[in-house]
């Protein structure tokens, strides 16, 4: 699942560690999500979306070919 997390984080000048602290994840977990190596659970995706005042669908882009 692709995502816009890196762009949104950069717009706020946050490091991966900064974002991780805000949503309760490690820097390594944020890195894995940004690199599409890990899909967050729904509760984590919702926390991230709320932090960015956005919807889950606006941040996490489902690859239709994978469904």
PDB file of N, CA and C in Angstrom:
ATOM      1  N   UNK A   1       0.847  -1.159   0.000  1.00  0.00           N
ATOM      2  CA  UNK A   1       0.000   0.000   0.000  1.00  0.00           C
ATOM      3  C   UNK A   1       0.905   1.238   0.000  1.00  0.00           C
ATOM      4  N   UNK A   2       0.752   2.061  -1.000  1.00  0.00           N
ATOM      5  CA  UNK A   2       1.529   3.303  -1.066  1.00  0.00           C
ATOM      6  C   UNK A   2       0.977   4.307  -0.068  1.00  0.00           C
ATOM      7  N   UNK A   3       1.793   5.299   0.266  1.00  0.00           N
ATOM      8  CA  UNK A   3       1.323   6.309   1.200  1.00  0.00           C
ATOM      9  C   UNK A   3       2.026   7.637   0.953  1.00  0.00           C
ATOM     10  N   UNK A   4       1.462   8.688   1.535  1.00  0.00           N
ATOM     11  CA  UNK A   4       1.982  10.053   1.411  1.00  0.00           C
ATOM     12  C   UNK A   4       2.660  10.506   2.689  1.00  0.00           C
ATOM     13  N   UNK A   5       2.992   9.569   3.547  1.00  0.00           N
ATOM     14  CA  UNK A   5       3.501   9.899   4.871  1.00  0.00           C
ATOM     15  C   UNK A   5       4.781  10.727   4.840  1.00  0.00           C
ATOM     16  N   UNK A   6       5.719  10.358   3.999  1.00  0.00           N
ATOM     17  CA  UNK A   6       6.992  11.082   3.936  1.00  0.00           C
ATOM     18  C   UNK A   6       6.776  12.544   3.533  1.00  0.00           C
ATOM     19  N   UNK A   7       5.908  12.769   2.567  1.00  0.00           N
ATOM     20  CA  UNK A   7       5.622  14.127   2.093  1.00  0.00           C
ATOM     21  C   UNK A   7       4.949  14.943   3.202  1.00  0.00           C
ATOM     22  N   UNK A   8       3.950  14.363   3.840  1.00  0.00           N
ATOM     23  CA  UNK A   8       3.238  15.067   4.906  1.00  0.00           C
ATOM     24  C   UNK A   8       4.169  15.382   6.068  1.00  0.00           C
ATOM     25  N   UNK A   9       5.031  14.445   6.401  1.00  0.00           N
ATOM     26  CA  UNK A   9       5.986  14.652   7.484  1.00  0.00           C
ATOM     27  C   UNK A   9       6.976  15.755   7.129  1.00  0.00           C
ATOM     28  N   UNK A  10       7.467  15.740   5.896  1.00  0.00           N
ATOM     29  CA  UNK A  10       8.430  16.750   5.443  1.00  0.00           C
ATOM     30  C   UNK A  10       7.809  18.147   5.431  1.00  0.00           C
ATOM     31  N   UNK A  11       6.534  18.242   5.081  1.00  0.00           N
ATOM     32  CA  UNK A  11       5.853  19.541   5.075  1.00  0.00           C
ATOM     33  C   UNK A  11       5.855  20.185   6.461  1.00  0.00           C
ATOM     34  N   UNK A  12       5.919  19.361   7.484  1.00  0.00           N
ATOM     35  CA  UNK A  12       5.922  19.861   8.863  1.00  0.00           C
ATOM     36  C   UNK A  12       7.319  19.894   9.464  1.00  0.00           C
ATOM     37  N   UNK A  13       8.302  19.498   8.677  1.00  0.00           N
ATOM     38  CA  UNK A  13       9.694  19.469   9.115  1.00  0.00           C
ATOM     39  C   UNK A  13       9.883  18.548  10.323  1.00  0.00           C
ATOM     40  N   UNK A  14       9.197  17.407  10.294  1.00  0.00           N
ATOM     41  CA  UNK A  14       9.312  16.415  11.350  1.00  0.00           C
ATOM     42  C   UNK A  14      10.246  15.308  10.898  1.00  0.00           C
ATOM     43  N   UNK A  15      11.033  14.789  11.810  1.00  0.00           N
ATOM     44  CA  UNK A  15      11.849  13.607  11.524  1.00  0.00           C
ATOM     45  C   UNK A  15      10.958  12.370  11.686  1.00  0.00           C
ATOM     46  N   UNK A  16      11.476  11.236  11.280  1.00  0.00           N
ATOM     47  CA  UNK A  16      10.728  10.001  11.493  1.00  0.00           C
ATOM     48  C   UNK A  16      10.533   9.756  12.981  1.00  0.00           C
ATOM     49  N   UNK A  17      11.536  10.094  13.775  1.00  0.00           N
ATOM     50  CA  UNK A  17      11.417   9.930  15.233  1.00  0.00           C
ATOM     51  C   UNK A  17      10.338  10.849  15.797  1.00  0.00           C
ATOM     52  N   UNK A  18      10.270  12.087  15.293  1.00  0.00           N
ATOM     53  CA  UNK A  18       9.230  13.024  15.734  1.00  0.00           C
ATOM     54  C   UNK A  18       7.839  12.445  15.482  1.00  0.00           C
ATOM     55  N   UNK A  19       7.622  11.961  14.268  1.00  0.00           N
ATOM     56  CA  UNK A  19       6.322  11.392  13.923  1.00  0.00           C
ATOM     57  C   UNK A  19       6.044  10.159  14.774  1.00  0.00           C
ATOM     58  N   UNK A  20       7.048   9.317  14.937  1.00  0.00           N
ATOM     59  CA  UNK A  20       6.881   8.127  15.750  1.00  0.00           C
ATOM     60  C   UNK A  20       6.431   8.449  17.165  1.00  0.00           C
ATOM     61  N   UNK A  21       7.049   9.448  17.779  1.00  0.00           N
ATOM     62  CA  UNK A  21       6.657   9.858  19.126  1.00  0.00           C
ATOM     63  C   UNK A  21       5.214  10.332  19.167  1.00  0.00           C
ATOM     64  N   UNK A  22       4.799  11.034  18.134  1.00  0.00           N
ATOM     65  CA  UNK A  22       3.439  11.588  18.108  1.00  0.00           C
ATOM     66  C   UNK A  22       2.364  10.516  17.961  1.00  0.00           C
ATOM     67  N   UNK A  23       2.706   9.396  17.316  1.00  0.00           N
ATOM     68  CA  UNK A  23       1.699   8.343  17.102  1.00  0.00           C
ATOM     69  C   UNK A  23       1.995   7.060  17.875  1.00  0.00           C
ATOM     70  N   UNK A  24       3.067   7.056  18.663  1.00  0.00           N
ATOM     71  CA  UNK A  24       3.366   5.893  19.492  1.00  0.00           C
ATOM     72  C   UNK A  24       4.053   4.754  18.773  1.00  0.00           C
ATOM     73  N   UNK A  25       4.888   5.086  17.786  1.00  0.00           N
ATOM     74  CA  UNK A  25       5.646   4.072  17.051  1.00  0.00           C
ATOM     75  C   UNK A  25       7.136   4.405  17.104  1.00  0.00           C
ATOM     76  N   UNK A  26       7.949   3.438  16.781  1.00  0.00           N
ATOM     77  CA  UNK A  26       9.385   3.685  16.713  1.00  0.00           C
ATOM     78  C   UNK A  26       9.740   4.363  15.393  1.00  0.00           C
ATOM     79  N   UNK A  27      10.915   4.952  15.349  1.00  0.00           N
ATOM     80  CA  UNK A  27      11.408   5.541  14.106  1.00  0.00           C
ATOM     81  C   UNK A  27      11.510   4.457  13.035  1.00  0.00           C
ATOM     82  N   UNK A  28      11.914   3.263  13.434  1.00  0.00           N
ATOM     83  CA  UNK A  28      12.060   2.163  12.480  1.00  0.00           C
ATOM     84  C   UNK A  28      10.714   1.770  11.871  1.00  0.00           C
ATOM     85  N   UNK A  29       9.661   1.807  12.679  1.00  0.00           N
ATOM     86  CA  UNK A  29       8.327   1.479  12.166  1.00  0.00           C
ATOM     87  C   UNK A  29       7.868   2.531  11.159  1.00  0.00           C
ATOM     88  N   UNK A  30       8.120   3.808  11.467  1.00  0.00           N
ATOM     89  CA  UNK A  30       7.755   4.882  10.533  1.00  0.00           C
ATOM     90  C   UNK A  30       8.529   4.706   9.228  1.00  0.00           C
ATOM     91  N   UNK A  31       9.806   4.401   9.329  1.00  0.00           N
ATOM     92  CA  UNK A  31      10.623   4.174   8.145  1.00  0.00           C
ATOM     93  C   UNK A  31      10.053   3.031   7.292  1.00  0.00           C
ATOM     94  N   UNK A  32       9.679   1.945   7.930  1.00  0.00           N
ATOM     95  CA  UNK A  32       9.123   0.796   7.203  1.00  0.00           C
ATOM     96  C   UNK A  32       7.804   1.153   6.528  1.00  0.00           C
ATOM     97  N   UNK A  33       6.958   1.926   7.194  1.00  0.00           N
ATOM     98  CA  UNK A  33       5.690   2.341   6.594  1.00  0.00           C
ATOM     99  C   UNK A  33       5.957   3.230   5.384  1.00  0.00           C
ATOM    100  N   UNK A  34       6.855   4.201   5.538  1.00  0.00           N
ATOM    101  CA  UNK A  34       7.159   5.114   4.429  1.00  0.00           C
ATOM    102  C   UNK A  34       7.718   4.375   3.222  1.00  0.00           C
ATOM    103  N   UNK A  35       8.465   3.322   3.450  1.00  0.00           N
ATOM    104  CA  UNK A  35       9.091   2.573   2.349  1.00  0.00           C
ATOM    105  C   UNK A  35       8.201   1.450   1.823  1.00  0.00           C
ATOM    106  N   UNK A  36       6.949   1.431   2.276  1.00  0.00           N
ATOM    107  CA  UNK A  36       5.972   0.410   1.849  1.00  0.00           C
ATOM    108  C   UNK A  36       6.410  -1.003   2.217  1.00  0.00           C
ATOM    109  N   UNK A  37       7.156  -1.141   3.304  1.00  0.00           N
ATOM    110  CA  UNK A  37       7.600  -2.453   3.782  1.00  0.00           C
ATOM    111  C   UNK A  37       6.677  -2.978   4.869  1.00  0.00           C
ATOM    112  N   UNK A  38       5.811  -2.109   5.377  1.00  0.00           N
ATOM    113  CA  UNK A  38       4.922  -2.472   6.478  1.00  0.00           C
ATOM    114  C   UNK A  38       3.635  -1.667   6.347  1.00  0.00           C
ATOM    115  N   UNK A  39       2.518  -2.346   6.428  1.00  0.00           N
ATOM    116  CA  UNK A  39       1.216  -1.682   6.429  1.00  0.00           C
ATOM    117  C   UNK A  39       0.751  -1.545   7.873  1.00  0.00           C
ATOM    118  N   UNK A  40       0.456  -0.334   8.309  1.00  0.00           N
ATOM    119  CA  UNK A  40       0.036  -0.150   9.697  1.00  0.00           C
ATOM    120  C   UNK A  40      -1.333  -0.758   9.956  1.00  0.00           C
ATOM    121  N   UNK A  41      -1.581  -1.080  11.213  1.00  0.00           N
ATOM    122  CA  UNK A  41      -2.911  -1.554  11.605  1.00  0.00           C
ATOM    123  C   UNK A  41      -3.898  -0.402  11.427  1.00  0.00           C
ATOM    124  N   UNK A  42      -5.166  -0.731  11.411  1.00  0.00           N
ATOM    125  CA  UNK A  42      -6.190   0.303  11.258  1.00  0.00           C
ATOM    126  C   UNK A  42      -6.135   1.335  12.387  1.00  0.00           C
ATOM    127  N   UNK A  43      -5.992   0.924  13.651  1.00  0.00           N
ATOM    128  CA  UNK A  43      -5.903   1.949  14.707  1.00  0.00           C
ATOM    129  C   UNK A  43      -4.701   2.888  14.517  1.00  0.00           C
ATOM    130  N   UNK A  44      -3.576   2.366  14.077  1.00  0.00           N
ATOM    131  CA  UNK A  44      -2.394   3.211  13.831  1.00  0.00           C
ATOM    132  C   UNK A  44      -2.657   4.140  12.653  1.00  0.00           C
ATOM    133  N   UNK A  45      -3.247   3.624  11.589  1.00  0.00           N
ATOM    134  CA  UNK A  45      -3.555   4.456  10.418  1.00  0.00           C
ATOM    135  C   UNK A  45      -4.507   5.590  10.803  1.00  0.00           C
ATOM    136  N   UNK A  46      -5.455   5.305  11.677  1.00  0.00           N
ATOM    137  CA  UNK A  46      -6.398   6.332  12.125  1.00  0.00           C
ATOM    138  C   UNK A  46      -5.675   7.382  12.961  1.00  0.00           C
ATOM    139  N   UNK A  47      -4.779   6.960  13.853  1.00  0.00           N
ATOM    140  CA  UNK A  47      -4.008   7.927  14.660  1.00  0.00           C
ATOM    141  C   UNK A  47      -3.186   8.838  13.758  1.00  0.00           C
ATOM    142  N   UNK A  48      -2.563   8.251  12.741  1.00  0.00           N
ATOM    143  CA  UNK A  48      -1.763   9.036  11.798  1.00  0.00           C
ATOM    144  C   UNK A  48      -2.646  10.026  11.054  1.00  0.00           C
ATOM    145  N   UNK A  49      -3.780   9.560  10.571  1.00  0.00           N
ATOM    146  CA  UNK A  49      -4.693  10.441   9.831  1.00  0.00           C
ATOM    147  C   UNK A  49      -5.184  11.593  10.705  1.00  0.00           C
ATOM    148  N   UNK A  50      -5.530  11.313  11.935  1.00  0.00           N
ATOM    149  CA  UNK A  50      -5.994  12.374  12.839  1.00  0.00           C
ATOM    150  C   UNK A  50      -4.892  13.390  13.100  1.00  0.00           C
ATOM    151  N   UNK A  51      -3.672  12.909  13.263  1.00  0.00           N
ATOM    152  CA  UNK A  51      -2.544  13.807  13.497  1.00  0.00           C
ATOM    153  C   UNK A  51      -2.382  14.793  12.348  1.00  0.00           C
ATOM    154  N   UNK A  52      -2.553  14.308  11.120  1.00  0.00           N
ATOM    155  CA  UNK A  52      -2.410  15.153   9.934  1.00  0.00           C
ATOM    156  C   UNK A  52      -3.721  15.813   9.523  1.00  0.00           C
ATOM    157  N   UNK A  53      -4.757  15.684  10.372  1.00  0.00           N
ATOM    158  CA  UNK A  53      -6.073  16.257  10.091  1.00  0.00           C
ATOM    159  C   UNK A  53      -6.546  15.875   8.693  1.00  0.00           C
ATOM    160  N   UNK A  54      -6.499  14.579   8.451  1.00  0.00           N
ATOM    161  CA  UNK A  54      -6.805  14.041   7.133  1.00  0.00           C
ATOM    162  C   UNK A  54      -7.588  12.743   7.324  1.00  0.00           C
ATOM    163  N   UNK A  55      -7.905  12.088   6.226  1.00  0.00           N
ATOM    164  CA  UNK A  55      -8.542  10.773   6.302  1.00  0.00           C
ATOM    165  C   UNK A  55      -7.508   9.701   5.989  1.00  0.00           C
ATOM    166  N   UNK A  56      -7.803   8.503   6.410  1.00  0.00           N
ATOM    167  CA  UNK A  56      -6.910   7.376   6.125  1.00  0.00           C
ATOM    168  C   UNK A  56      -6.728   7.234   4.616  1.00  0.00           C
ATOM    169  N   UNK A  57      -7.810   7.394   3.871  1.00  0.00           N
ATOM    170  CA  UNK A  57      -7.763   7.219   2.416  1.00  0.00           C
ATOM    171  C   UNK A  57      -6.908   8.279   1.722  1.00  0.00           C
ATOM    172  N   UNK A  58      -6.791   9.452   2.328  1.00  0.00           N
ATOM    173  CA  UNK A  58      -5.973  10.512   1.732  1.00  0.00           C
ATOM    174  C   UNK A  58      -4.483  10.279   1.965  1.00  0.00           C
ATOM    175  N   UNK A  59      -4.144   9.507   2.977  1.00  0.00           N
ATOM    176  CA  UNK A  59      -2.737   9.246   3.300  1.00  0.00           C
ATOM    177  C   UNK A  59      -2.281   7.912   2.743  1.00  0.00           C
ATOM    178  N   UNK A  60      -3.100   6.892   2.905  1.00  0.00           N
ATOM    179  CA  UNK A  60      -2.746   5.545   2.475  1.00  0.00           C
ATOM    180  C   UNK A  60      -3.496   5.205   1.201  1.00  0.00           C
ATOM    181  N   UNK A  61      -2.764   4.992   0.134  1.00  0.00           N
ATOM    182  CA  UNK A  61      -3.329   4.797  -1.194  1.00  0.00           C
ATOM    183  C   UNK A  61      -3.286   3.319  -1.553  1.00  0.00           C
ATOM    184  N   UNK A  62      -4.442   2.725  -1.681  1.00  0.00           N
ATOM    185  CA  UNK A  62      -4.531   1.294  -1.968  1.00  0.00           C
ATOM    186  C   UNK A  62      -4.202   1.049  -3.421  1.00  0.00           C
ATOM    187  N   UNK A  63      -3.294   0.106  -3.650  1.00  0.00           N
ATOM    188  CA  UNK A  63      -2.925  -0.303  -5.003  1.00  0.00           C
ATOM    189  C   UNK A  63      -4.010  -1.238  -5.509  1.00  0.00           C
ATOM    190  N   UNK A  64      -4.834  -0.756  -6.406  1.00  0.00           N
ATOM    191  CA  UNK A  64      -5.989  -1.533  -6.899  1.00  0.00           C
ATOM    192  C   UNK A  64      -5.580  -2.863  -7.508  1.00  0.00           C
ATOM    193  N   UNK A  65      -4.383  -2.942  -8.069  1.00  0.00           N
ATOM    194  CA  UNK A  65      -3.905  -4.186  -8.652  1.00  0.00           C
ATOM    195  C   UNK A  65      -3.621  -5.257  -7.623  1.00  0.00           C
ATOM    196  N   UNK A  66      -3.420  -4.847  -6.367  1.00  0.00           N
ATOM    197  CA  UNK A  66      -3.104  -5.785  -5.303  1.00  0.00           C
ATOM    198  C   UNK A  66      -4.361  -6.341  -4.642  1.00  0.00           C
ATOM    199  N   UNK A  67      -5.524  -5.766  -4.936  1.00  0.00           N
ATOM    200  CA  UNK A  67      -6.783  -6.225  -4.300  1.00  0.00           C
ATOM    201  C   UNK A  67      -7.413  -7.354  -5.064  1.00  0.00           C
TER     202      UNK A  67
END
